[in-house]
Amino acid sequence: MVAIQRRRKHVIQQTCAKMKWNTTYYHEPNKNSKLVIIDKYHFLYCEIAKIGCTSWKRVLLVLLGVIDNIDSALDVDKMHYIDYPSISLMEPKKNYTSFLFVRHPFKRILSAYRDKFLEPVSVAFQRIARQIVSIYRANASVTDKNSGTDVSFPEFVKFLLNLKSNLNPHWNFQHTRCAVCERSYDFIGHFENIVEESNYLLHLLGINTTVFPEHEYSFHVTNISENNIYLKYFSQVPREDILKLYEFYRMDFELFGYSFPQELL
């Protein structure tokens, strides 16, 4: 893991040096964002939506003494509105281990689509669903426009490609959320191996009172069935839009070592 971390950090440093000045790909971070801080274990966590943050919050709540263990009954929605201890994203903090987890950009936005727009549409996303149907569905009926039901994945991709600013956290750029070109991180985890890497990190932090919630990842995130779902949804997207979507998220692809998705063309 030491060699893997060294390689991931090197890729980030090289990519930032090469691409940070290209405003087509690089996007300024919101420096008012926060990092979760746990003083007892001296760590800082940059949370990125759709990359295991619900599971990590279970771990945080155990460490904060709010719940007894990671299997404690808990309202998932309320979990995201708990006031976790935090500091400014750009605040320096000596002798603290900082970390984040990243994910294949296309698989992350597919996860956001399936979570927020498949039936039933999440209440918080109904307005966006109606907007997508109204603008990106040819000959949409009044009923469809008013309900926003059955948003297709190609329609969602069209919506993403026309966004200019104020991206929702569930599909915002990963590098923007955590300002990876402005501050360095001690550990960069990958969602594709989140259970093993999270438990490795917990051990590194000297935490032996809990483990990462493995049962929430009973499937392996790179298994055949998950890959088939990925291929199925992206097969519906026109080649031209796939190429545009890659350009849109190119900085995240390159920063975090994900290859161009040739398998989709």
Protein backbone atom coordinates (compact mmCIF):
# COMPACT_ATOMS: atom_id res chain seq x y z
CA MET A 1 0.00 0.00 0.00
CA VAL A 2 2.92 2.36 0.63
CA ALA A 3 4.04 2.04 -2.98
CA ILE A 4 0.46 2.47 -4.23
CA GLN A 5 0.05 5.65 -2.20
CA ARG A 6 3.34 7.01 -3.46
CA ARG A 7 2.25 6.37 -7.03
CA ARG A 8 -1.19 7.97 -6.56
CA LYS A 9 0.32 11.10 -4.99
CA HIS A 10 2.88 11.35 -7.79
CA VAL A 11 0.13 11.20 -10.45
CA ILE A 12 -1.78 13.99 -8.67
CA GLN A 13 1.33 16.17 -8.43
CA GLN A 14 2.22 15.64 -12.10
CA THR A 15 -1.34 16.23 -13.31
CA CYS A 16 -1.77 19.38 -11.24
CA ALA A 17 1.48 20.78 -12.60
CA LYS A 18 0.40 19.99 -16.17
CA MET A 19 -3.29 20.90 -16.14
CA LYS A 20 -4.03 23.31 -13.30
CA TRP A 21 -3.76 26.31 -15.61
CA ASN A 22 -6.16 24.86 -18.17
CA THR A 23 -9.57 26.25 -17.22
CA THR A 24 -11.27 23.81 -19.60
CA TYR A 25 -10.44 20.93 -17.28
CA TYR A 26 -9.43 22.41 -13.93
CA HIS A 27 -12.05 24.03 -11.71
CA GLU A 28 -11.35 26.27 -8.74
CA PRO A 29 -12.29 24.68 -5.42
CA ASN A 30 -14.78 26.14 -3.03
CA LYS A 31 -12.38 27.14 -0.29
CA ASN A 32 -15.26 27.56 2.14
CA SER A 33 -15.71 23.80 2.13
CA LYS A 34 -14.94 21.82 5.26
CA LEU A 35 -12.93 18.81 6.34
CA VAL A 36 -14.20 16.54 9.09
CA ILE A 37 -11.75 16.59 11.98
CA ILE A 38 -11.44 13.96 14.70
CA ASP A 39 -8.97 15.30 17.24
CA LYS A 40 -8.73 12.12 19.31
CA TYR A 41 -7.23 10.24 16.37
CA HIS A 42 -5.63 13.23 14.64
CA PHE A 43 -7.21 12.86 11.23
CA LEU A 44 -8.96 15.00 8.60
CA TYR A 45 -11.47 13.53 6.17
CA CYS A 46 -12.58 15.14 2.90
CA GLU A 47 -15.98 13.68 2.11
CA ILE A 48 -17.04 13.30 -1.54
CA ALA A 49 -20.63 12.29 -2.28
CA LYS A 50 -21.19 8.83 -3.83
CA ILE A 51 -17.83 7.53 -2.63
CA GLY A 52 -18.65 5.58 0.50
CA CYS A 53 -19.32 8.66 2.63
CA THR A 54 -22.40 7.10 4.28
CA SER A 55 -20.27 4.18 5.43
CA TRP A 56 -17.50 6.48 6.60
CA LYS A 57 -20.04 8.50 8.58
CA ARG A 58 -21.02 5.33 10.44
CA VAL A 59 -17.37 4.96 11.40
CA LEU A 60 -17.19 8.63 12.44
CA LEU A 61 -20.29 8.30 14.62
CA VAL A 62 -18.75 5.32 16.41
CA LEU A 63 -15.55 7.30 17.02
CA LEU A 64 -17.58 10.27 18.29
CA GLY A 65 -19.55 8.03 20.66
CA VAL A 66 -22.90 8.77 19.02
CA ILE A 67 -23.57 5.10 18.19
CA ASP A 68 -22.21 1.94 19.76
CA ASN A 69 -21.10 0.20 16.58
CA ILE A 70 -21.36 0.41 12.79
CA ASP A 71 -24.44 -1.86 12.80
CA SER A 72 -26.48 0.39 15.12
CA ALA A 73 -29.90 1.36 13.77
CA LEU A 74 -29.66 4.82 12.25
CA ASP A 75 -31.72 6.97 9.88
CA VAL A 76 -29.43 7.29 6.85
CA ASP A 77 -30.90 10.63 5.77
CA LYS A 78 -30.46 12.15 9.22
CA MET A 79 -26.89 10.89 9.30
CA HIS A 80 -25.97 13.41 6.61
CA TYR A 81 -27.31 16.36 8.62
CA ILE A 82 -25.42 15.68 11.83
CA ASP A 83 -23.02 18.50 12.70
CA TYR A 84 -19.68 16.71 12.45
CA PRO A 85 -16.65 18.53 13.89
CA SER A 86 -14.95 20.34 11.03
CA ILE A 87 -12.34 22.87 9.98
CA SER A 88 -11.82 24.91 6.84
CA LEU A 89 -10.65 22.97 3.79
CA MET A 90 -7.55 25.13 3.50
CA GLU A 91 -6.67 25.36 7.20
CA PRO A 92 -3.24 23.83 7.86
CA LYS A 93 -3.14 21.24 10.62
CA LYS A 94 0.20 19.76 11.66
CA ASN A 95 0.50 16.15 12.77
CA TYR A 96 -2.93 15.21 11.41
CA THR A 97 -3.44 12.53 8.76
CA SER A 98 -5.59 13.85 5.92
CA PHE A 99 -7.41 11.54 3.52
CA LEU A 100 -10.07 11.26 0.85
CA PHE A 101 -11.56 8.52 -1.31
CA VAL A 102 -12.02 8.87 -5.07
CA ARG A 103 -13.94 6.89 -7.68
CA HIS A 104 -14.09 6.25 -11.42
CA PRO A 105 -15.87 9.43 -12.61
CA PHE A 106 -18.35 7.68 -14.94
CA LYS A 107 -19.28 5.03 -12.37
CA ARG A 108 -19.78 7.74 -9.78
CA ILE A 109 -22.25 9.73 -11.89
CA LEU A 110 -24.06 6.51 -12.82
CA SER A 111 -24.40 5.76 -9.11
CA ALA A 112 -25.81 9.27 -8.56
CA TYR A 113 -28.30 8.80 -11.40
CA ARG A 114 -29.52 5.42 -10.13
CA ASP A 115 -29.76 6.68 -6.55
CA LYS A 116 -31.54 9.96 -7.27
CA PHE A 117 -33.56 9.51 -10.47
CA LEU A 118 -34.76 5.93 -10.71
CA GLU A 119 -38.22 5.33 -9.26
CA PRO A 120 -39.11 6.59 -6.80
CA VAL A 121 -37.37 9.89 -7.57
CA SER A 122 -35.75 11.29 -4.45
CA VAL A 123 -37.93 14.16 -3.16
CA ALA A 124 -34.98 16.53 -3.07
CA PHE A 125 -34.30 15.85 -6.77
CA GLN A 126 -37.83 16.10 -8.19
CA ARG A 127 -37.31 19.69 -9.35
CA ILE A 128 -34.13 18.70 -11.22
CA ALA A 129 -35.94 15.69 -12.72
CA ARG A 130 -38.72 17.92 -14.04
CA GLN A 131 -36.12 20.29 -15.47
CA ILE A 132 -34.30 17.45 -17.24
CA VAL A 133 -37.48 16.04 -18.79
CA SER A 134 -38.71 19.49 -19.87
CA ILE A 135 -35.46 20.46 -21.58
CA TYR A 136 -33.89 17.24 -22.84
CA ARG A 137 -36.84 15.00 -23.78
CA ALA A 138 -38.13 15.45 -27.30
CA ASN A 139 -41.91 15.86 -27.46
CA ALA A 140 -42.31 15.47 -23.71
CA SER A 141 -45.94 15.51 -22.63
CA VAL A 142 -47.25 18.01 -20.11
CA THR A 143 -47.71 15.12 -17.68
CA ASP A 144 -44.06 14.08 -18.08
CA LYS A 145 -42.85 17.66 -17.64
CA ASN A 146 -44.88 18.12 -14.48
CA SER A 147 -43.94 14.78 -12.94
CA GLY A 148 -40.30 14.42 -13.98
CA THR A 149 -40.63 10.65 -13.88
CA ASP A 150 -38.57 8.16 -15.87
CA VAL A 151 -35.55 10.39 -16.46
CA SER A 152 -33.37 8.33 -18.79
CA PHE A 153 -29.63 8.05 -18.36
CA PRO A 154 -28.91 9.72 -21.75
CA GLU A 155 -31.15 12.62 -20.67
CA PHE A 156 -29.19 12.91 -17.42
CA VAL A 157 -25.91 12.97 -19.38
CA LYS A 158 -27.25 15.77 -21.62
CA PHE A 159 -28.15 17.68 -18.46
CA LEU A 160 -24.61 17.28 -17.09
CA LEU A 161 -23.04 18.41 -20.34
CA ASN A 162 -24.95 21.68 -20.22
CA LEU A 163 -24.10 22.59 -16.65
CA LYS A 164 -21.94 25.66 -16.26
CA SER A 165 -21.59 26.13 -12.52
CA ASN A 166 -23.05 25.26 -9.12
CA LEU A 167 -22.90 21.53 -9.72
CA ASN A 168 -24.73 19.37 -7.20
CA PRO A 169 -22.30 17.63 -4.79
CA HIS A 170 -23.37 14.23 -6.15
CA TRP A 171 -21.92 14.97 -9.59
CA ASN A 172 -19.53 17.84 -8.89
CA PHE A 173 -15.86 17.38 -9.77
CA GLN A 174 -13.95 15.38 -7.19
CA HIS A 175 -10.86 17.58 -7.46
CA THR A 176 -12.98 20.66 -6.78
CA ARG A 177 -14.51 19.27 -3.60
CA CYS A 178 -11.19 18.43 -1.99
CA ALA A 179 -8.84 20.98 -3.63
CA VAL A 180 -6.27 18.31 -4.41
CA CYS A 181 -4.09 20.75 -6.36
CA GLU A 182 -4.11 23.29 -3.52
CA ARG A 183 -3.42 21.00 -0.58
CA SER A 184 -1.74 17.64 -0.21
CA TYR A 185 -3.33 14.54 1.31
CA ASP A 186 -1.60 11.79 3.22
CA PHE A 187 -3.84 9.01 1.95
CA ILE A 188 -5.81 8.74 -1.30
CA GLY A 189 -8.18 5.79 -1.22
CA HIS A 190 -9.99 4.25 -4.19
CA PHE A 191 -13.64 3.25 -3.98
CA GLU A 192 -12.92 0.18 -6.09
CA ASN A 193 -11.11 -1.29 -3.07
CA ILE A 194 -12.82 0.70 -0.34
CA VAL A 195 -13.23 -1.98 2.35
CA GLU A 196 -9.61 -3.13 2.33
CA GLU A 197 -8.18 0.37 1.99
CA SER A 198 -10.43 1.85 4.67
CA ASN A 199 -9.49 -0.85 7.16
CA TYR A 200 -5.82 -0.38 6.30
CA LEU A 201 -6.24 3.35 7.00
CA LEU A 202 -8.05 2.74 10.30
CA HIS A 203 -5.16 0.52 11.40
CA LEU A 204 -2.71 3.23 10.28
CA LEU A 205 -4.59 5.75 12.43
CA GLY A 206 -4.38 3.47 15.46
CA ILE A 207 -8.13 2.82 15.51
CA ASN A 208 -9.02 -0.67 16.75
CA THR A 209 -12.49 0.02 18.16
CA THR A 210 -14.32 -0.32 14.84
CA VAL A 211 -13.94 -1.50 11.28
CA PHE A 212 -15.33 -0.26 7.97
CA PRO A 213 -18.88 -1.56 7.25
CA GLU A 214 -18.03 -4.43 4.92
CA HIS A 215 -21.64 -5.69 4.68
CA GLU A 216 -22.58 -2.58 2.72
CA TYR A 217 -20.19 -3.77 0.02
CA SER A 218 -21.14 -7.45 -0.04
CA PHE A 219 -20.52 -7.35 -3.77
CA HIS A 220 -17.08 -6.43 -5.04
CA VAL A 221 -17.37 -3.09 -6.81
CA THR A 222 -15.45 -4.40 -9.80
CA ASN A 223 -17.45 -7.62 -10.19
CA ILE A 224 -19.04 -8.77 -13.43
CA SER A 225 -22.62 -7.83 -12.60
CA GLU A 226 -21.73 -4.25 -11.61
CA ASN A 227 -19.60 -3.89 -14.72
CA ASN A 228 -22.48 -5.16 -16.86
CA ILE A 229 -24.78 -2.52 -15.34
CA TYR A 230 -22.19 0.14 -16.16
CA LEU A 231 -21.89 -1.07 -19.76
CA LYS A 232 -25.67 -1.35 -20.14
CA TYR A 233 -26.37 2.24 -19.12
CA PHE A 234 -23.53 3.78 -21.10
CA SER A 235 -24.48 1.77 -24.20
CA GLN A 236 -27.59 3.99 -24.30
CA VAL A 237 -25.48 7.17 -24.51
CA PRO A 238 -24.42 8.42 -27.98
CA ARG A 239 -20.68 8.12 -28.65
CA GLU A 240 -20.41 11.88 -29.11
CA ASP A 241 -21.85 12.48 -25.64
CA ILE A 242 -19.52 9.92 -24.06
CA LEU A 243 -16.54 11.79 -25.51
CA LYS A 244 -17.92 15.11 -24.28
CA LEU A 245 -18.58 13.65 -20.84
CA TYR A 246 -15.00 12.41 -20.67
CA GLU A 247 -13.74 15.90 -21.51
CA PHE A 248 -16.04 17.33 -18.84
CA TYR A 249 -14.61 15.06 -16.14
CA ARG A 250 -11.15 14.70 -17.66
CA MET A 251 -9.33 16.31 -14.73
CA ASP A 252 -10.78 13.73 -12.34
CA PHE A 253 -9.86 10.89 -14.70
CA GLU A 254 -6.26 12.03 -15.00
CA LEU A 255 -5.70 13.15 -11.41
CA PHE A 256 -6.84 9.87 -9.91
CA GLY A 257 -5.33 7.47 -12.44
CA TYR A 258 -8.44 6.31 -14.28
CA SER A 259 -7.98 5.40 -17.93
CA PHE A 260 -9.97 6.75 -20.83
CA PRO A 261 -13.09 4.50 -21.04
CA GLN A 262 -12.28 2.91 -24.38
CA GLU A 263 -14.65 0.02 -23.62
CA LEU A 264 -17.63 2.36 -24.11
CA LEU A 265 -16.80 3.34 -27.70
